[in-house]
C-alpha atoms as a PDB file:
ATOM      1  CA  MET A   1     -14.467 -33.002 -37.946  1.00  0.00           C
ATOM      2  CA  THR A   2     -11.181 -32.135 -36.250  1.00  0.00           C
ATOM      3  CA  VAL A   3      -9.708 -28.730 -35.505  1.00  0.00           C
ATOM      4  CA  ARG A   4      -7.472 -29.163 -38.555  1.00  0.00           C
ATOM      5  CA  ASP A   5     -10.523 -29.599 -40.803  1.00  0.00           C
ATOM      6  CA  GLU A   6     -12.166 -26.327 -39.759  1.00  0.00           C
ATOM      7  CA  PRO A   7     -10.117 -23.119 -40.307  1.00  0.00           C
ATOM      8  CA  ALA A   8     -12.197 -20.998 -37.894  1.00  0.00           C
ATOM      9  CA  ALA A   9     -11.931 -23.622 -35.147  1.00  0.00           C
ATOM     10  CA  LEU A  10      -8.192 -23.979 -35.768  1.00  0.00           C
ATOM     11  CA  ARG A  11      -7.678 -20.216 -35.587  1.00  0.00           C
ATOM     12  CA  ALA A  12      -9.691 -19.999 -32.364  1.00  0.00           C
ATOM     13  CA  SER A  13      -7.754 -22.890 -30.844  1.00  0.00           C
ATOM     14  CA  VAL A  14      -4.408 -21.313 -31.750  1.00  0.00           C
ATOM     15  CA  LEU A  15      -5.415 -17.899 -30.409  1.00  0.00           C
ATOM     16  CA  ARG A  16      -6.698 -19.404 -27.161  1.00  0.00           C
ATOM     17  CA  ALA A  17      -3.504 -21.439 -26.715  1.00  0.00           C
ATOM     18  CA  ALA A  18      -1.298 -18.410 -27.408  1.00  0.00           C
ATOM     19  CA  ALA A  19      -3.252 -16.204 -24.992  1.00  0.00           C
ATOM     20  CA  GLU A  20      -2.953 -18.770 -22.203  1.00  0.00           C
ATOM     21  CA  LEU A  21       0.757 -19.353 -22.750  1.00  0.00           C
ATOM     22  CA  PHE A  22       1.693 -15.670 -23.056  1.00  0.00           C
ATOM     23  CA  ALA A  23      -0.281 -14.848 -19.904  1.00  0.00           C
ATOM     24  CA  ARG A  24       1.403 -17.598 -17.906  1.00  0.00           C
ATOM     25  CA  ASN A  25       4.927 -17.635 -19.308  1.00  0.00           C
ATOM     26  CA  GLY A  26       5.572 -14.298 -21.001  1.00  0.00           C
ATOM     27  CA  PHE A  27       6.704 -13.592 -24.536  1.00  0.00           C
ATOM     28  CA  PRO A  28      10.319 -14.837 -24.375  1.00  0.00           C
ATOM     29  CA  GLU A  29       9.392 -18.241 -22.959  1.00  0.00           C
ATOM     30  CA  VAL A  30       6.626 -19.087 -25.445  1.00  0.00           C
ATOM     31  CA  THR A  31       7.452 -20.847 -28.690  1.00  0.00           C
ATOM     32  CA  ILE A  32       5.380 -21.477 -31.786  1.00  0.00           C
ATOM     33  CA  ARG A  33       5.974 -25.177 -31.114  1.00  0.00           C
ATOM     34  CA  ALA A  34       4.440 -24.848 -27.607  1.00  0.00           C
ATOM     35  CA  ILE A  35       1.446 -22.964 -28.999  1.00  0.00           C
ATOM     36  CA  ALA A  36       0.984 -25.673 -31.622  1.00  0.00           C
ATOM     37  CA  ALA A  37       1.171 -28.453 -29.035  1.00  0.00           C
ATOM     38  CA  ARG A  38      -1.393 -26.754 -26.820  1.00  0.00           C
ATOM     39  CA  ALA A  39      -3.690 -26.102 -29.810  1.00  0.00           C
ATOM     40  CA  GLY A  40      -3.329 -29.671 -31.065  1.00  0.00           C
ATOM     41  CA  THR A  41      -1.832 -28.768 -34.414  1.00  0.00           C
ATOM     42  CA  SER A  42       1.519 -28.291 -36.127  1.00  0.00           C
ATOM     43  CA  PRO A  43       3.823 -25.270 -35.910  1.00  0.00           C
ATOM     44  CA  ALA A  44       3.427 -24.743 -39.659  1.00  0.00           C
ATOM     45  CA  LEU A  45      -0.351 -24.480 -39.312  1.00  0.00           C
ATOM     46  CA  VAL A  46       0.026 -22.068 -36.411  1.00  0.00           C
ATOM     47  CA  MET A  47       2.111 -19.802 -38.625  1.00  0.00           C
ATOM     48  CA  LYS A  48      -0.302 -20.199 -41.522  1.00  0.00           C
ATOM     49  CA  VAL A  49      -3.455 -19.272 -39.609  1.00  0.00           C
ATOM     50  CA  ALA A  50      -2.053 -16.816 -37.078  1.00  0.00           C
ATOM     51  CA  GLY A  51       1.236 -15.388 -38.299  1.00  0.00           C
ATOM     52  CA  SER A  52       4.450 -14.846 -36.384  1.00  0.00           C
ATOM     53  CA  LYS A  53       4.957 -15.155 -32.648  1.00  0.00           C
ATOM     54  CA  GLU A  54       4.959 -11.356 -32.330  1.00  0.00           C
ATOM     55  CA  GLU A  55       1.722 -11.062 -34.313  1.00  0.00           C
ATOM     56  CA  LEU A  56       0.167 -13.679 -32.057  1.00  0.00           C
ATOM     57  CA  PHE A  57       1.316 -11.801 -28.990  1.00  0.00           C
ATOM     58  CA  HIS A  58      -0.232  -8.535 -30.152  1.00  0.00           C
ATOM     59  CA  ARG A  59      -3.456 -10.260 -31.123  1.00  0.00           C
ATOM     60  CA  THR A  60      -3.859 -12.257 -27.910  1.00  0.00           C
ATOM     61  CA  ALA A  61      -2.032 -10.375 -25.159  1.00  0.00           C
ATOM     62  CA  THR A  62      -4.978  -8.236 -24.306  1.00  0.00           C
ATOM     63  CA  ILE A  63      -5.317  -6.137 -21.234  1.00  0.00           C
ATOM     64  CA  SER A  64      -8.887  -6.185 -20.131  1.00  0.00           C
ATOM     65  CA  ALA A  65      -9.568  -4.432 -16.897  1.00  0.00           C
ATOM     66  CA  PRO A  66     -12.644  -5.547 -15.020  1.00  0.00           C
ATOM     67  CA  THR A  67     -15.542  -3.133 -14.979  1.00  0.00           C
ATOM     68  CA  LEU A  68     -15.316  -0.624 -12.179  1.00  0.00           C
ATOM     69  CA  PRO A  69     -17.542  -1.564  -9.269  1.00  0.00           C
ATOM     70  CA  ASP A  70     -20.864   0.180  -8.941  1.00  0.00           C
ATOM     71  CA  ALA A  71     -20.010   1.900  -5.685  1.00  0.00           C
ATOM     72  CA  PRO A  72     -20.315   5.488  -4.491  1.00  0.00           C
ATOM     73  CA  ALA A  73     -17.147   7.561  -4.760  1.00  0.00           C
ATOM     74  CA  SER A  74     -16.701   7.341  -0.999  1.00  0.00           C
ATOM     75  CA  GLY A  75     -16.606   3.533  -1.117  1.00  0.00           C
ATOM     76  CA  LEU A  76     -14.765   2.956  -4.377  1.00  0.00           C
ATOM     77  CA  GLY A  77     -11.409   2.133  -2.747  1.00  0.00           C
ATOM     78  CA  ALA A  78     -12.927  -0.558  -0.544  1.00  0.00           C
ATOM     79  CA  ALA A  79     -14.908  -1.972  -3.487  1.00  0.00           C
ATOM     80  CA  LEU A  80     -11.806  -2.155  -5.701  1.00  0.00           C
ATOM     81  CA  VAL A  81      -9.815  -3.940  -3.001  1.00  0.00           C
ATOM     82  CA  GLU A  82     -12.699  -6.304  -2.240  1.00  0.00           C
ATOM     83  CA  GLU A  83     -12.932  -7.275  -5.921  1.00  0.00           C
ATOM     84  CA  LEU A  84      -9.194  -7.930  -6.044  1.00  0.00           C
ATOM     85  CA  VAL A  85      -9.391 -10.045  -2.874  1.00  0.00           C
ATOM     86  CA  ASP A  86     -12.407 -11.937  -4.252  1.00  0.00           C
ATOM     87  CA  ARG A  87     -10.474 -12.761  -7.456  1.00  0.00           C
ATOM     88  CA  GLN A  88      -7.672 -14.110  -5.255  1.00  0.00           C
ATOM     89  CA  ARG A  89     -10.113 -16.250  -3.240  1.00  0.00           C
ATOM     90  CA  ARG A  90     -11.610 -17.721  -6.410  1.00  0.00           C
ATOM     91  CA  GLY A  91      -8.241 -18.195  -8.091  1.00  0.00           C
ATOM     92  CA  ASP A  92      -9.453 -16.135 -11.044  1.00  0.00           C
ATOM     93  CA  LEU A  93      -7.163 -14.379 -13.462  1.00  0.00           C
ATOM     94  CA  GLU A  94      -5.582 -11.364 -11.827  1.00  0.00           C
ATOM     95  CA  HIS A  95      -5.842  -8.657 -14.472  1.00  0.00           C
ATOM     96  CA  LEU A  96      -3.303  -6.346 -12.877  1.00  0.00           C
ATOM     97  CA  GLY A  97      -0.727  -9.102 -12.512  1.00  0.00           C
ATOM     98  CA  ARG A  98      -1.317 -10.224 -16.066  1.00  0.00           C
ATOM     99  CA  ALA A  99      -0.836  -6.671 -17.332  1.00  0.00           C
ATOM    100  CA  LEU A 100       2.436  -6.470 -15.417  1.00  0.00           C
ATOM    101  CA  MET A 101       3.689  -9.754 -16.900  1.00  0.00           C
ATOM    102  CA  LEU A 102       2.721  -8.683 -20.395  1.00  0.00           C
ATOM    103  CA  ARG A 103       4.562  -5.362 -20.072  1.00  0.00           C
ATOM    104  CA  VAL A 104       7.739  -6.921 -18.731  1.00  0.00           C
ATOM    105  CA  ASN A 105       7.924  -9.509 -21.507  1.00  0.00           C
ATOM    106  CA  ALA A 106       6.386  -7.644 -24.436  1.00  0.00           C
ATOM    107  CA  PRO A 107       8.170  -7.255 -27.751  1.00  0.00           C
ATOM    108  CA  ASP A 108       6.597  -3.773 -27.769  1.00  0.00           C
ATOM    109  CA  PRO A 109       6.349  -2.644 -24.122  1.00  0.00           C
ATOM    110  CA  GLU A 110       5.065   0.802 -25.099  1.00  0.00           C
ATOM    111  CA  ALA A 111       1.948  -0.685 -26.723  1.00  0.00           C
ATOM    112  CA  VAL A 112       1.230  -2.681 -23.578  1.00  0.00           C
ATOM    113  CA  ARG A 113       1.751   0.419 -21.410  1.00  0.00           C
ATOM    114  CA  ALA A 114      -0.729   2.372 -23.522  1.00  0.00           C
ATOM    115  CA  LYS A 115      -3.317  -0.442 -23.305  1.00  0.00           C
ATOM    116  CA  PHE A 116      -2.826  -0.602 -19.541  1.00  0.00           C
ATOM    117  CA  LEU A 117      -3.388   3.116 -19.070  1.00  0.00           C
ATOM    118  CA  ARG A 118      -6.466   3.076 -21.327  1.00  0.00           C
ATOM    119  CA  GLY A 119      -7.898   0.027 -19.577  1.00  0.00           C
ATOM    120  CA  TYR A 120      -7.198   0.824 -15.931  1.00  0.00           C
ATOM    121  CA  VAL A 121      -6.277   4.423 -15.305  1.00  0.00           C
ATOM    122  CA  ASP A 122      -8.512   6.240 -17.798  1.00  0.00           C
ATOM    123  CA  PRO A 123     -11.836   4.745 -16.624  1.00  0.00           C
ATOM    124  CA  LEU A 124     -10.931   5.357 -12.987  1.00  0.00           C
ATOM    125  CA  ALA A 125      -9.818   8.951 -13.661  1.00  0.00           C
ATOM    126  CA  GLU A 126     -13.111   9.591 -15.477  1.00  0.00           C
ATOM    127  CA  ARG A 127     -14.997   8.421 -12.406  1.00  0.00           C
ATOM    128  CA  LEU A 128     -13.186  10.803 -10.060  1.00  0.00           C
ATOM    129  CA  GLU A 129     -14.100  14.425  -9.487  1.00  0.00           C
ATOM    130  CA  GLY A 130     -11.922  17.332  -8.490  1.00  0.00           C
ATOM    131  CA  PRO A 131      -8.337  18.283  -9.143  1.00  0.00           C
ATOM    132  CA  ASP A 132      -5.621  15.819 -10.104  1.00  0.00           C
ATOM    133  CA  ALA A 133      -8.088  13.049 -10.977  1.00  0.00           C
ATOM    134  CA  ARG A 134      -5.582  11.389 -13.307  1.00  0.00           C
ATOM    135  CA  LEU A 135      -2.805  11.437 -10.706  1.00  0.00           C
ATOM    136  CA  ARG A 136      -5.129  10.062  -8.024  1.00  0.00           C
ATOM    137  CA  ALA A 137      -6.257   7.298 -10.390  1.00  0.00           C
ATOM    138  CA  GLU A 138      -2.646   6.370 -11.184  1.00  0.00           C
ATOM    139  CA  LEU A 139      -1.765   6.257  -7.492  1.00  0.00           C
ATOM    140  CA  ALA A 140      -4.734   4.015  -6.694  1.00  0.00           C
ATOM    141  CA  VAL A 141      -3.930   1.672  -9.595  1.00  0.00           C
ATOM    142  CA  ALA A 142      -0.309   1.559  -8.412  1.00  0.00           C
ATOM    143  CA  ALA A 143      -1.432   0.548  -4.921  1.00  0.00           C
ATOM    144  CA  LEU A 144      -3.789  -2.108  -6.309  1.00  0.00           C
ATOM    145  CA  THR A 145      -1.065  -3.455  -8.603  1.00  0.00           C
ATOM    146  CA  GLY A 146       1.276  -3.776  -5.635  1.00  0.00           C
ATOM    147  CA  LEU A 147      -1.299  -5.684  -3.629  1.00  0.00           C
ATOM    148  CA  ALA A 148      -2.144  -7.938  -6.578  1.00  0.00           C
ATOM    149  CA  THR A 149       1.550  -8.674  -7.134  1.00  0.00           C
ATOM    150  CA  VAL A 150       2.239  -9.572  -3.506  1.00  0.00           C
ATOM    151  CA  LEU A 151      -0.848 -11.783  -3.278  1.00  0.00           C
ATOM    152  CA  ARG A 152      -0.553 -13.559  -6.621  1.00  0.00           C
ATOM    153  CA  PHE A 153       3.125 -13.708  -7.468  1.00  0.00           C
ATOM    154  CA  PHE A 154       4.806 -13.668  -4.088  1.00  0.00           C
ATOM    155  CA  GLU A 155       1.984 -15.525  -2.319  1.00  0.00           C
ATOM    156  CA  SER A 156       2.569 -13.662   0.913  1.00  0.00           C
ATOM    157  CA  PRO A 157       1.508 -16.163   3.598  1.00  0.00           C
ATOM    158  CA  GLU A 158       0.323 -13.643   6.196  1.00  0.00           C
ATOM    159  CA  LEU A 159      -1.804 -11.757   3.683  1.00  0.00           C
ATOM    160  CA  LEU A 160      -3.257 -14.908   2.132  1.00  0.00           C
ATOM    161  CA  ALA A 161      -4.151 -16.214   5.581  1.00  0.00           C
ATOM    162  CA  ASP A 162      -6.266 -13.138   6.328  1.00  0.00           C
ATOM    163  CA  LEU A 163      -7.828 -11.849   3.114  1.00  0.00           C
ATOM    164  CA  ASP A 164     -10.687 -10.246   5.058  1.00  0.00           C
ATOM    165  CA  GLY A 165      -8.149  -8.325   7.111  1.00  0.00           C
ATOM    166  CA  VAL A 166      -6.333  -7.324   3.939  1.00  0.00           C
ATOM    167  CA  ALA A 167      -9.530  -5.886   2.495  1.00  0.00           C
ATOM    168  CA  GLN A 168     -10.299  -4.025   5.726  1.00  0.00           C
ATOM    169  CA  ALA A 169      -6.811  -2.544   6.012  1.00  0.00           C
ATOM    170  CA  TYR A 170      -6.094  -1.817   2.347  1.00  0.00           C
ATOM    171  CA  GLY A 171      -9.476  -0.448   1.249  1.00  0.00           C
ATOM    172  CA  PRO A 172      -9.054   2.793   3.236  1.00  0.00           C
ATOM    173  CA  ILE A 173      -5.526   3.232   1.862  1.00  0.00           C
ATOM    174  CA  VAL A 174      -6.764   3.053  -1.731  1.00  0.00           C
ATOM    175  CA  GLN A 175      -9.685   5.328  -0.822  1.00  0.00           C
ATOM    176  CA  ARG A 176      -7.305   7.979   0.550  1.00  0.00           C
ATOM    177  CA  LEU A 177      -5.393   7.876  -2.728  1.00  0.00           C
ATOM    178  CA  LEU A 178      -8.613   8.233  -4.710  1.00  0.00           C
ATOM    179  CA  ASP A 179      -9.736  11.129  -2.510  1.00  0.00           C
ATOM    180  CA  GLY A 180      -6.373  12.877  -2.721  1.00  0.00           C
ATOM    181  CA  ALA A 181      -6.112  13.006   1.051  1.00  0.00           C
END
C-alpha cells in the first residue's frame, strides 16, 4: 500500500513535509508543489487532504517550547543556557530560532506572537516569584533568543568554538535577568 492509497498516511506525510519546509524556508518560500514533492504526492492531493498553503502553515507551524529544566530558581538561568548549548551541540531543532523564523514569515504574525508568548514566556513567568515576574521572563527569553540566533543562524565562529565558555559566561547573565538584579 502506498501513501496515496491510505488517506491517514497521506495526510500525515503532507503535514510532516509542510512542517519541515515551513521551519526551514519560511512561509513565502514554500509552495504547495514543494510540499507535494517532499510528501511524494501531487499538489492536487495536498490541497485535497490538507487545504490551502495558509491552512497548512497554521496547522503545522507550531511553536513548542521545551519543558523548563528541573532546576532551583537560583540555577534556572544556567540550566536554560546549558540546554540551549546542548541543542546546538547535538544539532537539534532550535525552538527559539524556529519561532523567530515563523513569526517573520507568517501570514498571521500576531497568531505566532501569541503562541510564542504562551509557549515560552508564560511558563517561565509562572515559575518566577516576586515582582515583575512577567517582565523578567520576557527579558530572559529575549537574551536566550539572541544567543540562539547568533549560534544557529549566524554561526558565530568564536562562540561555536567554545560552547562550554558560552554556557559559563551567559548562564549568569540570564540568571541576573530572571532574578531582576
